[in-house]
Protein backbone atom coordinates (compact mmCIF):
# COMPACT_ATOMS: atom_id res chain seq x y z
CA MET A 1 144.53 166.37 57.69
CA ARG A 2 141.87 165.69 55.02
CA GLU A 3 139.27 168.51 54.60
CA GLU A 4 136.27 166.19 55.09
CA LYS A 5 137.51 165.30 58.60
CA LEU A 6 137.70 168.91 59.75
CA ASN A 7 135.00 170.40 61.99
CA LEU A 8 133.05 173.44 60.76
CA LYS A 9 135.33 175.92 62.51
CA GLN A 10 138.39 174.38 60.94
CA VAL A 11 136.74 174.33 57.53
CA LEU A 12 135.83 178.03 57.95
CA ASP A 13 139.40 178.87 58.95
CA LEU A 14 140.73 177.05 55.89
CA ALA A 15 138.14 178.77 53.64
CA VAL A 16 139.12 182.18 55.00
CA ARG A 17 142.79 181.37 54.37
CA TYR A 18 142.01 180.45 50.77
CA HIS A 19 139.90 183.60 50.49
CA THR A 20 142.65 185.93 51.69
CA GLN A 21 145.09 184.22 49.30
CA GLY A 22 142.80 184.99 46.37
CA ARG A 23 141.85 181.35 45.83
CA LEU A 24 138.21 182.30 45.49
CA ALA A 25 136.89 179.14 43.83
CA GLU A 26 138.31 176.93 46.60
CA ALA A 27 137.03 179.27 49.32
CA GLU A 28 133.59 179.37 47.71
CA THR A 29 133.41 175.57 47.65
CA LEU A 30 134.21 175.38 51.36
CA TYR A 31 131.70 178.09 52.32
CA LYS A 32 129.00 176.16 50.46
CA ARG A 33 130.05 172.94 52.20
CA ILE A 34 129.61 174.67 55.56
CA LEU A 35 126.15 175.87 54.57
CA GLU A 36 125.16 172.35 53.52
CA LYS A 37 125.88 171.28 57.08
CA ASN A 38 124.49 174.43 58.70
CA PRO A 39 122.24 176.67 56.51
CA TYR A 40 122.23 179.28 59.32
CA HIS A 41 125.99 179.76 59.49
CA THR A 42 126.08 183.54 59.17
CA ASP A 43 129.83 183.94 58.63
CA ALA A 44 129.80 181.48 55.74
CA LEU A 45 126.76 183.22 54.23
CA HIS A 46 128.37 186.63 54.58
CA LEU A 47 131.71 185.55 53.11
CA LEU A 48 130.00 183.72 50.26
CA GLY A 49 128.33 187.04 49.49
CA VAL A 50 131.68 188.80 49.64
CA ILE A 51 133.09 186.40 47.04
CA ALA A 52 130.04 187.01 44.82
CA HIS A 53 130.75 190.75 45.10
CA GLN A 54 134.41 190.22 44.21
CA LEU A 55 133.35 188.20 41.15
CA GLY A 56 130.96 190.95 40.00
CA LYS A 57 127.83 189.02 40.97
CA HIS A 58 126.47 191.91 43.02
CA GLU A 59 122.79 190.88 43.09
CA GLU A 60 123.84 187.49 44.43
CA ALA A 61 126.06 189.23 46.97
CA VAL A 62 123.15 191.35 48.21
CA LYS A 63 121.01 188.23 48.61
CA ASP A 64 123.62 186.28 50.60
CA ILE A 65 124.77 189.12 52.85
CA SER A 66 121.19 190.27 53.51
CA ARG A 67 120.36 186.71 54.63
CA ALA A 68 123.37 186.78 56.98
CA ILE A 69 122.14 190.09 58.46
CA GLN A 70 118.65 188.65 59.03
CA LEU A 71 120.26 185.92 61.12
CA ASN A 72 122.81 188.18 62.81
CA PRO A 73 121.76 191.87 62.71
CA VAL A 74 124.57 193.13 64.98
CA SER A 75 127.71 192.62 62.87
CA ALA A 76 129.08 195.93 61.54
CA ILE A 77 131.16 194.28 58.81
CA TYR A 78 128.06 192.58 57.38
CA TYR A 79 126.37 195.93 56.85
CA SER A 80 129.55 197.46 55.49
CA ASN A 81 129.98 194.77 52.83
CA LEU A 82 126.29 194.92 51.96
CA GLY A 83 126.80 198.63 51.41
CA MET A 84 129.69 197.87 49.06
CA ALA A 85 127.51 195.46 47.03
CA TYR A 86 124.73 198.04 46.74
CA ASP A 87 127.29 200.66 45.77
CA ALA A 88 128.51 198.43 42.93
CA LEU A 89 124.90 198.17 41.71
CA GLY A 90 124.61 201.97 41.66
CA LYS A 91 122.03 201.91 44.47
CA ASP A 92 123.47 204.84 46.39
CA ASP A 93 120.71 205.26 48.95
CA GLU A 94 120.75 201.59 49.95
CA ALA A 95 124.54 201.63 50.11
CA THR A 96 124.58 204.73 52.30
CA GLU A 97 121.97 203.32 54.67
CA ASN A 98 124.07 200.20 55.25
CA PHE A 99 127.31 202.13 55.79
CA ARG A 100 125.46 204.21 58.36
CA LYS A 101 124.15 201.07 60.12
CA ALA A 102 127.64 199.59 60.17
CA LEU A 103 128.99 202.64 62.02
CA GLU A 104 126.03 202.64 64.42
CA ARG A 105 126.93 199.11 65.45
CA ASP A 106 130.66 199.72 65.81
CA PHE A 107 132.17 203.11 64.93
CA LYS A 108 135.69 201.66 65.05
CA TYR A 109 135.24 198.31 63.34
CA ASP A 110 137.99 197.04 61.05
CA LYS A 111 136.76 198.85 57.91
CA ALA A 112 135.08 201.84 59.52
CA HIS A 113 137.36 204.22 57.58
CA LEU A 114 135.92 202.83 54.33
CA ALA A 115 132.36 203.38 55.54
CA HIS A 116 133.16 206.99 56.39
CA TYR A 117 134.87 207.43 53.02
CA ASN A 118 131.87 206.08 51.11
CA LEU A 119 129.52 208.27 53.09
CA GLY A 120 131.78 211.21 52.27
CA VAL A 121 131.54 210.41 48.56
CA TYR A 122 127.75 210.09 48.80
CA PHE A 123 127.29 213.50 50.44
CA MET A 124 129.94 215.16 48.28
CA GLU A 125 128.14 214.09 45.09
CA ARG A 126 124.95 215.61 46.45
CA GLY A 127 126.53 218.91 47.35
CA ASP A 128 126.29 218.36 51.12
CA ILE A 129 129.80 219.61 51.72
CA ASP A 130 129.72 219.84 55.52
CA ARG A 131 128.66 216.23 56.00
CA ALA A 132 131.10 215.02 53.35
CA LEU A 133 133.99 216.80 55.07
CA GLU A 134 132.92 215.39 58.44
CA HIS A 135 133.10 211.82 57.13
CA TYR A 136 136.41 212.34 55.32
CA ASN A 137 137.91 213.75 58.53
CA LYS A 138 136.71 210.72 60.50
CA ALA A 139 138.10 208.35 57.86
CA ILE A 140 141.49 210.07 58.12
CA GLU A 141 141.38 209.98 61.92
CA LEU A 142 141.05 206.20 61.68
CA ASP A 143 143.75 205.88 59.00
CA LYS A 144 146.02 208.87 58.39
CA ASN A 145 147.50 207.10 55.34
CA PHE A 146 144.12 206.73 53.68
CA PHE A 147 145.12 208.85 50.71
CA GLU A 148 141.85 208.49 48.80
CA ALA A 149 140.10 210.24 51.68
CA ARG A 150 142.83 212.87 51.95
CA TRP A 151 142.62 213.56 48.20
CA ASN A 152 138.84 213.98 48.38
CA ARG A 153 139.22 216.19 51.44
CA SER A 154 141.60 218.39 49.46
CA LEU A 155 138.89 218.93 46.85
CA ILE A 156 136.50 220.14 49.53
CA LEU A 157 139.11 222.41 51.10
CA LEU A 158 139.76 223.99 47.69
CA LEU A 159 136.02 224.23 47.05
CA LEU A 160 135.73 226.17 50.31
CA GLY A 161 138.55 228.49 49.24
CA LYS A 162 140.95 227.12 51.87
CA PHE A 163 143.75 227.09 49.35
CA LYS A 164 146.80 226.63 51.59
CA GLU A 165 145.45 223.45 53.23
CA GLY A 166 143.90 222.31 49.97
CA TRP A 167 147.08 222.54 47.86
CA ASP A 168 149.02 220.58 50.47
CA GLU A 169 146.50 217.72 50.52
CA TYR A 170 146.11 217.86 46.74
CA GLU A 171 149.55 216.22 46.45
CA CYS A 172 147.99 213.02 47.83
CA ARG A 173 146.78 212.29 44.30
CA PHE A 174 150.12 210.57 43.68
CA LYS A 175 149.77 208.30 46.73
CA LYS A 176 146.28 206.95 46.08
CA GLU A 177 145.65 203.30 45.29
CA LYS A 178 145.19 204.46 41.70
CA PRO A 179 147.52 207.47 41.51
CA THR A 180 147.10 210.28 39.02
CA ASP A 181 150.50 209.46 37.56
CA ILE A 182 152.15 206.09 38.16
CA ARG A 183 155.44 207.02 36.50
CA VAL A 184 158.59 207.07 38.62
CA PHE A 185 161.15 209.77 37.80
CA ASP A 186 164.81 209.51 38.71
CA LYS A 187 165.23 213.28 38.87
CA PRO A 188 164.24 215.60 41.76
CA LYS A 189 160.84 217.22 41.94
CA TRP A 190 161.05 221.00 41.64
CA ASN A 191 160.32 222.94 44.83
CA GLY A 192 159.97 226.43 43.33
CA SER A 193 163.60 227.48 43.71
CA LEU A 194 165.50 229.50 41.11
CA LEU A 195 166.30 227.35 38.09
CA GLY A 196 169.32 229.12 36.63
CA ARG A 197 170.31 227.07 33.60
CA LYS A 198 168.47 223.93 34.64
CA ARG A 199 166.08 222.13 32.31
CA ILE A 200 162.66 221.67 33.92
CA LEU A 201 160.08 219.19 32.65
CA ILE A 202 156.48 220.25 33.32
CA LEU A 203 154.07 217.33 33.13
CA SER A 204 150.46 217.73 32.08
CA GLU A 205 147.92 215.63 33.94
CA GLN A 206 144.26 214.79 34.23
CA GLY A 207 141.92 216.24 31.56
CA PHE A 208 142.32 218.65 28.65
CA GLY A 209 140.49 221.33 30.62
CA ASP A 210 142.93 220.99 33.52
CA THR A 211 145.88 221.56 31.19
CA ILE A 212 144.22 224.60 29.61
CA HIS A 213 143.32 225.95 33.04
CA PHE A 214 146.76 225.62 34.65
CA ILE A 215 149.10 226.30 31.74
CA ARG A 216 148.84 229.94 32.85
CA TYR A 217 151.43 229.08 35.53
CA ILE A 218 154.19 228.40 33.01
CA SER A 219 154.99 232.11 32.78
CA LEU A 220 155.63 232.11 36.54
CA VAL A 221 157.94 229.11 36.19
CA LYS A 222 159.83 230.87 33.40
CA GLU A 223 160.41 233.85 35.68
CA ARG A 224 162.51 231.52 37.86
CA GLY A 225 164.84 230.96 34.90
CA GLY A 226 165.67 227.67 33.24
CA TYR A 227 164.72 225.90 30.05
CA VAL A 228 161.06 224.85 30.10
CA ILE A 229 160.03 221.57 28.49
CA PHE A 230 156.29 221.04 28.44
CA GLU A 231 154.67 217.63 28.10
CA CYS A 232 151.16 217.66 26.65
CA LYS A 233 148.74 215.53 24.68
CA LYS A 234 148.83 215.81 20.91
CA GLU A 235 145.31 217.29 20.79
CA LEU A 236 146.66 220.38 22.57
CA ARG A 237 150.04 220.68 20.87
CA ARG A 238 148.98 222.98 18.03
CA LEU A 239 146.97 225.21 20.41
CA PHE A 240 150.02 225.83 22.61
CA GLU A 241 152.45 226.14 19.71
CA ASN A 242 153.46 229.73 20.49
CA PHE A 243 152.66 229.78 24.19
CA PRO A 244 155.06 232.18 25.95
CA GLY A 245 157.56 230.56 28.29
CA ILE A 246 157.66 227.12 26.64
CA ASP A 247 161.03 226.34 25.07
CA GLU A 248 160.31 222.78 23.96
CA PHE A 249 157.36 220.41 23.65
CA VAL A 250 157.23 216.67 24.18
CA GLU A 251 154.16 214.55 23.47
CA LYS A 252 152.52 212.84 26.42
CA ASP A 253 152.29 209.06 26.40
CA LYS A 254 152.43 206.37 29.06
CA GLY A 255 156.19 206.48 29.54
CA ILE A 256 158.70 208.99 30.82
CA PRO A 257 159.51 211.51 28.06
CA LYS A 258 162.70 210.75 26.19
CA VAL A 259 164.23 214.14 26.79
CA GLU A 260 167.03 215.43 28.98
CA PHE A 261 165.88 217.30 32.09
CA ASP A 262 167.27 218.22 35.50
CA CYS A 263 164.05 218.40 37.51
CA TYR A 264 160.33 217.99 36.99
CA ILE A 265 156.98 219.14 38.30
CA HIS A 266 153.36 218.27 37.55
CA LEU A 267 151.35 221.15 36.14
CA MET A 268 148.66 221.00 38.82
CA SER A 269 151.23 221.19 41.61
CA LEU A 270 152.20 224.69 40.49
CA PRO A 271 149.37 226.56 42.29
CA GLY A 272 150.65 225.13 45.58
CA ILE A 273 154.28 225.90 44.79
CA PHE A 274 153.36 229.52 44.07
CA ASN A 275 151.18 229.71 47.23
CA THR A 276 148.12 230.66 45.21
CA ASN A 277 145.32 232.37 47.11
CA PHE A 278 142.43 234.62 46.07
CA ASP A 279 144.73 237.63 45.86
CA SER A 280 147.45 235.94 43.80
CA ILE A 281 145.53 233.91 41.21
CA PRO A 282 147.09 234.68 37.80
CA ASN A 283 143.73 235.54 36.26
CA LYS A 284 144.60 237.92 33.47
CA VAL A 285 142.88 236.87 30.23
CA PRO A 286 143.41 236.18 27.48
CA TYR A 287 146.43 233.96 28.02
CA ILE A 288 145.64 231.69 25.07
CA TRP A 289 145.19 233.04 21.56
CA ALA A 290 143.82 231.39 18.42
CA ASN A 291 146.02 231.07 15.36
CA PRO A 292 145.18 234.09 13.13
CA ALA A 293 145.35 232.01 9.95
CA LEU A 294 142.85 229.52 11.37
CA VAL A 295 140.60 232.33 12.58
CA GLU A 296 140.52 233.70 9.04
CA LYS A 297 139.89 230.23 7.63
CA PHE A 298 136.80 229.74 9.76
CA LYS A 299 135.43 233.13 8.75
CA ASP A 300 134.89 231.60 5.31
CA ILE A 301 132.74 228.69 6.46
CA TYR A 302 129.07 229.55 6.10
CA ILE A 303 126.14 227.24 6.50
CA PRO A 304 122.64 228.34 5.44
CA VAL A 305 120.54 226.64 8.10
CA ASP A 306 117.26 226.87 6.14
CA CYS A 307 118.80 225.67 2.87
CA THR A 308 116.60 222.85 1.56
CA LYS A 309 119.51 221.44 -0.41
CA LYS A 310 121.41 220.95 2.86
CA GLN A 311 124.40 222.29 0.98
CA GLU A 312 127.39 224.06 2.46
CA CYS A 313 128.54 227.35 1.01
CA ILE A 314 132.19 227.91 1.75
CA ASP A 315 132.68 231.34 0.21
CA ARG A 316 130.79 234.56 -0.39
CA ASP A 317 130.55 234.09 -4.17
CA SER A 318 128.77 230.77 -3.76
CA LEU A 319 126.28 232.42 -1.45
CA LYS A 320 125.57 235.18 -3.94
CA LYS A 321 124.82 232.61 -6.63
CA CYS A 322 122.51 230.57 -4.38
CA ASN A 323 118.94 231.12 -5.63
CA ILE A 324 117.36 229.68 -2.49
CA ILE A 325 115.76 232.11 -0.07
CA ILE A 326 117.76 231.77 3.12
CA GLY A 327 115.81 232.69 6.21
CA ASN A 328 118.69 232.74 8.65
CA LEU A 329 122.27 232.87 7.45
CA CYS A 330 124.27 233.08 10.63
CA ASN A 331 127.38 234.84 9.37
CA PHE A 332 125.53 237.40 7.24
CA ASN A 333 123.27 238.92 9.81
CA ASN A 334 123.51 240.64 13.14
CA ASN A 335 122.61 237.59 15.20
CA LEU A 336 124.44 236.83 18.40
CA LYS A 337 126.68 233.87 17.52
CA ILE A 338 126.78 231.35 20.35
CA GLY A 339 128.79 228.15 20.64
CA ILE A 340 127.25 225.38 22.75
CA VAL A 341 128.55 222.21 24.45
CA TRP A 342 126.36 219.88 26.52
CA ALA A 343 128.63 216.96 27.46
CA GLY A 344 132.18 216.25 28.52
CA ASN A 345 134.35 213.15 28.53
CA PRO A 346 132.12 210.25 29.68
CA GLN A 347 135.13 208.66 31.40
CA GLN A 348 135.48 211.56 33.83
CA GLU A 349 134.49 210.59 37.39
CA ASN A 350 131.79 213.22 37.83
CA ASP A 351 130.54 213.24 34.25
CA LYS A 352 127.11 211.87 35.18
CA ASN A 353 126.55 215.07 37.14
CA ARG A 354 128.41 217.68 35.08
CA SER A 355 127.05 216.72 31.62
CA THR A 356 123.53 217.21 30.34
CA SER A 357 121.85 216.48 26.98
CA PHE A 358 121.27 218.48 23.83
CA GLU A 359 117.52 218.43 24.55
CA LYS A 360 118.01 220.94 27.36
CA PHE A 361 119.36 223.50 24.87
CA ARG A 362 116.03 223.40 23.03
CA THR A 363 114.83 225.76 25.78
CA LEU A 364 116.89 228.47 24.03
CA LYS A 365 116.33 227.71 20.35
CA ASP A 366 113.25 229.88 19.79
CA ILE A 367 114.98 233.06 21.00
CA SER A 368 115.15 235.42 18.05
CA GLY A 369 118.39 237.19 17.17
CA VAL A 370 120.58 234.20 18.05
CA SER A 371 122.48 231.65 15.94
CA PHE A 372 123.73 228.54 17.71
CA PHE A 373 126.83 226.56 16.75
CA SER A 374 127.56 223.14 18.22
CA LEU A 375 131.16 222.66 19.34
CA GLN A 376 130.26 219.26 20.78
CA LYS A 377 132.56 216.36 19.96
CA GLY A 378 132.40 212.65 20.66
CA GLU A 379 129.47 210.30 21.07
CA ALA A 380 127.24 212.98 22.58
CA SER A 381 127.33 214.93 19.30
CA SER A 382 124.88 212.37 17.85
CA GLN A 383 122.19 213.91 20.07
CA LEU A 384 122.10 216.97 17.81
CA THR A 385 119.01 216.53 15.62
CA ASP A 386 117.93 220.14 15.12
CA PRO A 387 118.92 221.42 11.64
CA LYS A 388 118.79 225.00 12.91
CA ILE A 389 121.81 224.34 15.14
CA ILE A 390 125.02 224.51 13.10
CA ASP A 391 127.07 221.35 13.73
CA LEU A 392 130.79 222.17 13.46
CA GLU A 393 132.18 218.87 14.71
CA ARG A 394 133.56 217.81 11.33
CA TYR A 395 135.72 220.95 11.18
CA ILE A 396 137.37 220.32 14.55
CA ALA A 397 140.54 218.23 14.38
CA ASP A 398 142.01 219.52 17.64
CA PHE A 399 141.79 222.40 20.11
CA ALA A 400 143.51 224.83 17.74
CA ASP A 401 140.46 224.52 15.46
CA THR A 402 138.09 224.92 18.39
CA ALA A 403 139.92 228.08 19.45
CA ALA A 404 139.68 229.55 15.95
CA ILE A 405 135.95 228.90 15.83
CA ILE A 406 135.47 230.42 19.30
CA GLU A 407 137.27 233.55 18.16
CA ASN A 408 134.56 233.98 15.52
CA LEU A 409 131.76 233.68 18.09
CA ASN A 410 130.25 236.19 20.49
CA LEU A 411 129.59 233.85 23.39
CA VAL A 412 130.16 230.24 24.50
CA ILE A 413 127.62 228.40 26.67
CA SER A 414 128.96 225.11 27.98
CA VAL A 415 128.77 222.63 30.80
CA ASP A 416 132.01 222.16 32.75
CA THR A 417 134.26 220.96 29.92
CA SER A 418 137.59 221.73 28.27
CA VAL A 419 135.77 224.01 25.81
CA ALA A 420 134.58 226.17 28.70
CA HIS A 421 138.17 226.48 29.92
CA LEU A 422 139.43 227.26 26.44
CA SER A 423 136.84 229.96 25.89
CA GLY A 424 137.61 231.39 29.32
CA ALA A 425 141.36 231.35 28.68
CA MET A 426 140.80 233.22 25.38
CA GLY A 427 138.89 235.99 27.16
CA LYS A 428 135.68 235.17 25.28
CA PRO A 429 132.43 235.76 27.18
CA THR A 430 131.68 232.33 28.61
CA TRP A 431 128.68 230.98 30.49
CA VAL A 432 129.34 227.76 32.40
CA LEU A 433 126.46 225.51 33.42
CA LEU A 434 127.25 223.81 36.70
CA SER A 435 125.91 220.82 38.59
CA ALA A 436 125.00 221.22 42.26
CA ALA A 437 128.04 218.96 42.80
CA ALA A 438 130.38 221.21 40.87
CA ASP A 439 134.15 220.85 40.63
CA TRP A 440 136.24 222.55 43.33
CA ARG A 441 137.55 225.33 41.05
CA TRP A 442 134.08 226.90 40.75
CA LEU A 443 133.86 227.32 44.55
CA LEU A 444 130.47 227.59 46.26
CA GLN A 445 127.49 229.75 45.28
CA LYS A 446 129.57 232.21 43.27
CA LYS A 447 128.22 233.49 39.96
CA ASP A 448 131.64 234.55 38.74
CA SER A 449 135.05 232.89 38.74
CA PRO A 450 138.30 234.14 40.27
CA TRP A 451 140.14 232.15 37.58
CA TYR A 452 138.41 233.71 34.57
CA GLN A 453 137.14 237.29 34.73
CA ASN A 454 135.05 236.79 31.60
CA MET A 455 132.94 233.94 32.96
CA LYS A 456 129.44 233.80 34.36
CA LEU A 457 128.35 230.71 36.31
CA PHE A 458 124.85 229.24 36.26
CA ARG A 459 124.27 226.67 39.00
CA GLN A 460 121.74 223.95 39.67
CA ARG A 461 119.54 224.61 42.70
CA LYS A 462 119.53 220.88 43.43
CA LEU A 463 121.35 217.92 41.92
CA GLY A 464 120.03 217.04 38.47
CA ASP A 465 117.91 220.18 38.11
CA TRP A 466 119.07 221.40 34.70
CA ASP A 467 115.70 222.94 33.84
CA SER A 468 116.10 225.84 36.25
CA VAL A 469 119.64 226.43 34.92
CA PHE A 470 118.47 226.70 31.32
CA TRP A 471 115.54 228.95 32.17
CA GLU A 472 117.96 231.26 33.96
CA VAL A 473 120.21 231.24 30.88
CA ARG A 474 117.19 231.92 28.69
CA GLU A 475 116.22 234.97 30.71
CA GLU A 476 119.80 236.27 30.71
CA LEU A 477 120.00 235.91 26.93
CA ARG A 478 116.70 237.73 26.47
CA ASN A 479 117.94 240.56 28.70
CA ILE A 480 121.12 240.91 26.63
CA LEU A 481 119.23 240.93 23.34
CA TYR A 482 116.66 243.41 24.65
CA LYS A 483 119.40 245.80 25.82
CA LYS A 484 121.19 245.28 22.54
């Protein structure tokens, strides 16, 4: 039957069929044809808005779906999809309000689990843990195979210190729509049993900081016997070169390592395998050590911060010959030497909350008796404009260099980044600056860490409030210097 001879219902049915088949252009044409005949056809308006959202035209989607809601304010799915369009525009409050309205109209509508999930994300990002957990639980009640919700729930359970439940749910990261690791292995996953002479492949995952944090478990694996092959990114290879318990390294790429192995396990599954709880966390530090030769090398890098020639003196003899009066030479005085980092990987999901800007560190710069060294790498390093802060980025090729520099410092102050984990793993006094929506491993409200005995945690009182964090750090520094 020719399309022009169909009635509006038949045209809508055909448009929906095209839509579900991914033939968006054809569906869009039919929705518009319906609206030419009936400008008040709410389903056509709504679905036209959905297509706009799918095509990345989110403002247009908001306009169309909002018009459909004006004409039919009782449909839960309309509000839900309007919430999705607002979410894509980064308008969290508007998105949340529409997800809430959708559930008010029908708490079991077809996509109610998604509304609960999005509300869970909203409250989780704002540090409202109880409400986030409530919505994740409801999402899972509606769809027990909703692994995104189960993964996020695991993060809350771990945050609350409910480790047994948390580790179990943490394995859902491999079943999400976008799994942590999409590779398929034809060998069995290790269950913690004795290894004997078996070759076990341990796979690194997620960020650099995660690898540094959980590599401590390799010694426990080695106690079960076997030959340990560790996969890691090249930036970490030199740092772990002599790590106890690793028999062989293989560089991480997108494929399955070309190495013989009998079984495998992902690094961040090890806490669950070893039934980690507060009493059994392997928290002895240091468990990572800097290369002594590199430590010595960085002892010979000196930068006179008040030198008008902006020159770099790389040995003591050069400094002795320098006829410029140097007001503050960091390695030749008794100043407290502090490494600072203000931003992490911008691709990390929670980076907008965990990272800050160099400007916030200006709160500390006028404290006498302190020399600051920037360990910041990447695009955020361009924020450093203060010549009194020593920029060491050009010396850092990988984490082995960072470790050697840290060994020459007295203290590291960092937001939640890989450098904070490295400093913690080396046993160096480390102050971590945390968002109100902090990662699960920092738990709730604690000022210390069960993972690193040498850490002190400084937390936002409310999301985005870095000023109070830096004033607290400032006072703590002044107290240390006064006692000193």
